[in-house]
Amino acid sequence: MFQPNVVTDDEFHLFQKFIYDAVGINLSSQKKPLVTARLCKRLRHYRLPNFRDYFSLVEKDITNNERQILIDLLTTNETFFFREKKHFDFLESVVNSGKGQWDEFSIWSAAASSGEEAYSLAMTMASIAGNKAWKVVGSDVSTRMIDKASRGQYLMERIEGIPDKFLCKYCLKGTGKHQGTLLVDDFIRSRVTFVFHNLLHTATNIGKFNMIFLRNVLIYFDEKTKKKVVSHMTKQLLPKGYLIVGHADKFDMEGIKLEQVKPSIYQRAD
């Protein structure tokens, strides 16, 4: 049976630099087993003897298809429904206090992964916005995750965080060949748009937002990249809009037009 070797230090450095240049992620040396495990399937697919040959193949691929596959494989995709309840409570308080002040409340779930956060935001908005207009945009650098998120179908074991009232109102339990899964209903899925976006780049094509969720992402970046990403996010906030990060996400605020209003919650200051 074809069995690639473990990635060498020199090979690992190639992938380490690639993913940093591509999306800003710092891969520590502890990630060598992860890189080996995730990329072995591509070596088997092409029947390549080592990881350096696979890296050369990626470099020579003029379609960029294999480059995107490599990005998909090396990015971390972990998310949950209604993760960190206090952030959703804050969203509810902001919406309820300002319903007469906005024509459309817009939220961006940046680094949305498989979509649980974006749908959690949409369910929350559907329950509190009344007849006011609203929208949710989810973005990710992984095309594989965007496809999965757009389907809105999840294993039942993944839905623990969804409140019962939302399960009954906005979710459909799978039957037959879909048994063991849950589908977010058509109404909620129709209010969420998923798009490809690299956080290292400006997001002028995505729009402006009242609130941006960028949670548990900055921990993967160095200080220089953190500042760049947060600067891009701030520019996409509407006046007095909010940026919400994970509790472990720390960044240097010097020169960035944000004011901290609560732990992990910042407001555009200008």
Protein backbone atom coordinates (compact mmCIF):
# COMPACT_ATOMS: atom_id res chain seq x y z
CA MET A 1 0.00 0.00 0.00
CA PHE A 2 1.26 3.50 -0.85
CA GLN A 3 2.29 5.27 2.36
CA PRO A 4 3.96 8.73 2.37
CA ASN A 5 6.56 9.52 5.01
CA VAL A 6 6.07 12.04 7.79
CA VAL A 7 6.66 15.61 6.62
CA THR A 8 10.28 16.67 7.16
CA ASP A 9 11.30 19.93 8.81
CA ASP A 10 12.29 21.44 5.45
CA GLU A 11 8.99 20.38 3.89
CA PHE A 12 7.03 21.69 6.86
CA HIS A 13 8.70 25.10 6.50
CA LEU A 14 7.47 25.26 2.89
CA PHE A 15 3.85 24.76 3.97
CA GLN A 16 4.34 27.01 6.99
CA LYS A 17 5.42 29.91 4.78
CA PHE A 18 2.73 29.13 2.20
CA ILE A 19 -0.19 29.35 4.64
CA TYR A 20 1.25 32.44 6.34
CA ASP A 21 1.63 34.26 3.02
CA ALA A 22 -1.77 33.07 1.80
CA VAL A 23 -4.03 33.73 4.80
CA GLY A 24 -1.80 34.96 7.65
CA ILE A 25 -1.96 31.83 9.82
CA ASN A 26 1.05 30.92 11.94
CA LEU A 27 1.61 27.15 11.97
CA SER A 28 3.68 26.16 14.99
CA SER A 29 6.06 23.21 14.84
CA GLN A 30 3.55 21.25 16.92
CA LYS A 31 1.32 21.19 13.84
CA LYS A 32 3.63 18.86 11.90
CA PRO A 33 1.50 15.77 12.67
CA LEU A 34 -1.62 17.67 11.56
CA VAL A 35 0.03 18.73 8.29
CA THR A 36 1.14 15.14 7.66
CA ALA A 37 -2.31 13.72 8.36
CA ARG A 38 -4.22 16.27 6.28
CA LEU A 39 -1.94 16.21 3.25
CA CYS A 40 -1.35 12.46 3.00
CA LYS A 41 -4.60 12.06 1.07
CA ARG A 42 -3.33 14.45 -1.62
CA LEU A 43 -0.05 12.54 -1.94
CA ARG A 44 -2.02 9.33 -2.30
CA HIS A 45 -4.30 10.97 -4.85
CA TYR A 46 -1.34 11.94 -7.04
CA ARG A 47 0.83 8.97 -5.96
CA LEU A 48 3.67 11.28 -5.00
CA PRO A 49 6.60 9.95 -2.94
CA ASN A 50 7.06 12.99 -0.67
CA PHE A 51 5.57 16.29 0.45
CA ARG A 52 8.09 18.41 -1.44
CA ASP A 53 6.84 16.98 -4.73
CA TYR A 54 3.28 17.85 -3.70
CA PHE A 55 4.33 21.41 -2.88
CA SER A 56 5.94 21.69 -6.33
CA LEU A 57 2.71 20.46 -7.90
CA VAL A 58 0.77 23.21 -6.08
CA GLU A 59 3.23 25.85 -7.28
CA LYS A 60 2.91 24.70 -10.90
CA ASP A 61 -0.90 24.41 -10.93
CA ILE A 62 -2.00 27.29 -13.18
CA THR A 63 -5.67 26.70 -12.32
CA ASN A 64 -5.04 27.43 -8.61
CA ASN A 65 -7.47 24.61 -7.79
CA GLU A 66 -4.88 22.62 -5.84
CA ARG A 67 -3.74 25.78 -4.08
CA GLN A 68 -7.28 26.29 -2.78
CA ILE A 69 -7.47 22.64 -1.71
CA LEU A 70 -4.24 23.11 0.22
CA ILE A 71 -5.62 26.23 1.95
CA ASP A 72 -8.80 24.31 2.82
CA LEU A 73 -6.76 21.49 4.35
CA LEU A 74 -4.45 23.71 6.40
CA THR A 75 -7.06 26.05 7.89
CA THR A 76 -8.79 25.32 11.18
CA ASN A 77 -12.58 25.09 11.04
CA GLU A 78 -14.12 24.95 14.49
CA THR A 79 -17.41 26.59 15.40
CA PHE A 80 -20.59 25.92 17.32
CA PHE A 81 -24.18 27.11 17.42
CA PHE A 82 -24.74 30.00 19.85
CA ARG A 83 -21.15 29.95 21.11
CA GLU A 84 -20.67 32.46 23.94
CA LYS A 85 -24.23 33.41 24.91
CA LYS A 86 -23.25 36.85 26.22
CA HIS A 87 -22.44 37.98 22.68
CA PHE A 88 -25.91 37.06 21.48
CA ASP A 89 -27.43 38.79 24.50
CA PHE A 90 -25.45 41.89 23.53
CA LEU A 91 -26.71 41.69 19.95
CA GLU A 92 -30.27 41.49 21.24
CA SER A 93 -29.79 44.51 23.51
CA VAL A 94 -28.32 46.60 20.67
CA VAL A 95 -31.12 45.71 18.27
CA ASN A 96 -33.87 46.32 20.83
CA SER A 97 -32.43 49.69 21.84
CA GLY A 98 -32.07 50.98 18.29
CA LYS A 99 -34.93 49.62 16.21
CA GLY A 100 -35.98 53.10 15.15
CA GLN A 101 -32.48 54.13 14.12
CA TRP A 102 -31.70 51.77 11.23
CA ASP A 103 -33.32 50.82 7.95
CA GLU A 104 -31.51 47.49 7.73
CA PHE A 105 -29.41 45.89 10.48
CA SER A 106 -26.43 44.15 8.91
CA ILE A 107 -24.15 41.57 10.52
CA TRP A 108 -20.98 39.98 9.19
CA SER A 109 -19.83 36.59 10.48
CA ALA A 110 -16.19 36.77 9.41
CA ALA A 111 -14.38 33.42 9.28
CA ALA A 112 -17.78 31.73 9.39
CA SER A 113 -16.39 28.23 8.87
CA SER A 114 -19.29 25.75 8.44
CA GLY A 115 -21.94 28.39 9.16
CA GLU A 116 -23.16 27.69 12.70
CA GLU A 117 -22.39 31.23 13.89
CA ALA A 118 -24.06 32.89 10.91
CA TYR A 119 -27.24 30.83 11.35
CA SER A 120 -27.23 31.51 15.10
CA LEU A 121 -27.14 35.23 14.31
CA ALA A 122 -29.93 34.86 11.76
CA MET A 123 -32.18 32.97 14.19
CA THR A 124 -31.58 35.65 16.80
CA MET A 125 -32.42 38.44 14.36
CA ALA A 126 -35.55 36.66 13.11
CA SER A 127 -36.80 36.43 16.69
CA ILE A 128 -36.21 40.06 17.71
CA ALA A 129 -36.21 42.31 14.62
CA GLY A 130 -39.96 42.36 14.07
CA ASN A 131 -40.75 43.82 10.67
CA LYS A 132 -37.43 45.66 10.40
CA ALA A 133 -35.06 44.63 7.60
CA TRP A 134 -31.87 42.74 8.43
CA LYS A 135 -29.23 40.57 6.79
CA VAL A 136 -26.36 38.26 7.75
CA VAL A 137 -23.25 37.68 5.63
CA GLY A 138 -20.90 34.81 6.40
CA SER A 139 -17.44 34.62 4.86
CA ASP A 140 -14.55 32.18 4.89
CA VAL A 141 -11.28 31.52 3.08
CA SER A 142 -12.19 27.84 2.65
CA THR A 143 -14.41 27.11 -0.35
CA ARG A 144 -15.18 23.72 1.16
CA MET A 145 -16.59 25.39 4.28
CA ILE A 146 -18.60 27.88 2.22
CA ASP A 147 -20.27 25.01 0.36
CA LYS A 148 -21.04 23.22 3.61
CA ALA A 149 -22.39 26.35 5.29
CA SER A 150 -24.63 27.17 2.32
CA ARG A 151 -26.35 23.78 2.64
CA GLY A 152 -27.30 24.45 6.26
CA GLN A 153 -27.42 20.76 7.16
CA TYR A 154 -25.76 19.48 10.34
CA LEU A 155 -25.40 16.28 12.31
CA MET A 156 -27.74 16.17 15.29
CA GLU A 157 -24.76 15.91 17.64
CA ARG A 158 -23.69 19.40 16.49
CA ILE A 159 -26.91 21.23 17.49
CA GLU A 160 -26.66 21.14 21.28
CA GLY A 161 -26.36 24.93 21.63
CA ILE A 162 -29.54 25.81 19.73
CA PRO A 163 -32.30 26.95 22.14
CA ASP A 164 -35.41 24.75 22.06
CA LYS A 165 -37.59 27.64 20.85
CA PHE A 166 -35.35 28.04 17.79
CA LEU A 167 -35.14 24.29 17.15
CA CYS A 168 -38.92 24.15 16.93
CA LYS A 169 -39.33 27.29 14.83
CA TYR A 170 -36.34 27.38 12.49
CA CYS A 171 -35.03 23.81 12.11
CA LEU A 172 -36.19 20.64 10.39
CA LYS A 173 -35.31 17.18 11.66
CA GLY A 174 -34.06 14.85 8.94
CA THR A 175 -35.92 11.65 8.08
CA GLY A 176 -35.17 8.68 5.85
CA LYS A 177 -31.73 8.97 4.29
CA HIS A 178 -31.28 12.28 6.17
CA GLN A 179 -32.00 10.76 9.57
CA GLY A 180 -29.56 11.95 12.20
CA THR A 181 -29.26 15.40 10.67
CA LEU A 182 -30.92 18.77 11.04
CA LEU A 183 -31.65 21.29 8.26
CA VAL A 184 -31.90 25.02 8.93
CA ASP A 185 -35.24 26.04 7.38
CA ASP A 186 -35.65 27.92 4.11
CA PHE A 187 -36.51 31.26 5.72
CA ILE A 188 -33.35 31.45 7.80
CA ARG A 189 -31.15 30.18 4.97
CA SER A 190 -32.65 32.79 2.65
CA ARG A 191 -31.51 35.57 4.98
CA VAL A 192 -27.87 34.44 5.12
CA THR A 193 -25.37 34.88 2.28
CA PHE A 194 -22.04 33.04 2.28
CA VAL A 195 -19.11 34.45 0.31
CA PHE A 196 -15.41 33.75 -0.14
CA HIS A 197 -13.15 36.26 1.60
CA ASN A 198 -9.53 36.35 2.72
CA LEU A 199 -9.19 38.40 5.92
CA LEU A 200 -5.79 39.71 4.75
CA HIS A 201 -7.56 41.66 2.03
CA THR A 202 -9.89 44.64 2.18
CA ALA A 203 -13.60 43.83 2.20
CA THR A 204 -15.10 46.74 0.30
CA ASN A 205 -17.00 44.33 -1.94
CA ILE A 206 -18.81 42.77 1.04
CA GLY A 207 -20.37 45.95 2.40
CA LYS A 208 -20.72 47.91 5.64
CA PHE A 209 -22.08 46.44 8.84
CA ASN A 210 -23.65 47.39 12.15
CA MET A 211 -21.89 44.46 13.79
CA ILE A 212 -19.00 42.20 12.84
CA PHE A 213 -18.28 38.90 14.59
CA LEU A 214 -14.59 37.97 14.29
CA ARG A 215 -14.36 35.44 17.08
CA ASN A 216 -11.57 32.99 17.90
CA VAL A 217 -9.64 33.94 14.77
CA LEU A 218 -6.99 36.45 15.85
CA ILE A 219 -5.32 33.81 18.03
CA TYR A 220 -3.96 32.23 14.82
CA PHE A 221 -2.22 35.45 13.69
CA ASP A 222 0.96 37.26 14.70
CA GLU A 223 0.75 40.86 15.95
CA LYS A 224 1.36 42.42 12.55
CA THR A 225 -1.37 40.36 10.91
CA LYS A 226 -3.81 40.96 13.77
CA LYS A 227 -3.48 44.70 13.33
CA LYS A 228 -3.97 44.45 9.59
CA VAL A 229 -7.09 42.31 9.93
CA VAL A 230 -8.66 44.43 12.67
CA SER A 231 -7.97 47.57 10.62
CA HIS A 232 -9.82 46.01 7.66
CA MET A 233 -12.74 45.07 9.93
CA THR A 234 -12.97 48.56 11.42
CA LYS A 235 -13.26 50.12 7.98
CA GLN A 236 -16.29 47.90 7.25
CA LEU A 237 -18.16 49.01 10.36
CA LEU A 238 -20.89 51.59 10.04
CA PRO A 239 -20.60 54.59 12.41
CA LYS A 240 -20.94 53.37 16.01
CA GLY A 241 -20.86 49.78 14.76
CA TYR A 242 -19.48 46.96 16.89
CA LEU A 243 -16.63 44.48 16.45
CA ILE A 244 -16.96 41.34 18.58
CA VAL A 245 -13.94 39.06 19.03
CA GLY A 246 -13.26 35.94 21.07
CA HIS A 247 -12.25 36.28 24.72
CA ALA A 248 -8.78 34.92 23.89
CA ASP A 249 -8.36 37.31 20.94
CA LYS A 250 -6.05 40.17 21.94
CA PHE A 251 -4.71 42.91 19.67
CA ASP A 252 -2.89 46.24 19.80
CA MET A 253 -5.45 49.06 19.53
CA GLU A 254 -2.94 51.83 18.82
CA GLY A 255 -3.98 53.71 15.69
CA ILE A 256 -7.22 51.74 15.34
CA LYS A 257 -10.48 53.67 15.68
CA LEU A 258 -12.13 51.38 18.21
CA GLU A 259 -13.15 51.77 21.84
CA GLN A 260 -13.66 48.79 24.12
CA VAL A 261 -17.17 48.83 25.60
CA LYS A 262 -17.18 45.38 27.19
CA PRO A 263 -14.72 42.48 27.39
CA SER A 264 -14.20 41.29 23.77
CA ILE A 265 -16.63 43.95 22.40
CA TYR A 266 -15.42 47.10 20.64
CA GLN A 267 -17.24 50.05 19.06
CA ARG A 268 -16.12 52.18 16.15
CA ALA A 269 -15.02 55.45 17.69
CA ASP A 270 -15.37 58.01 14.91
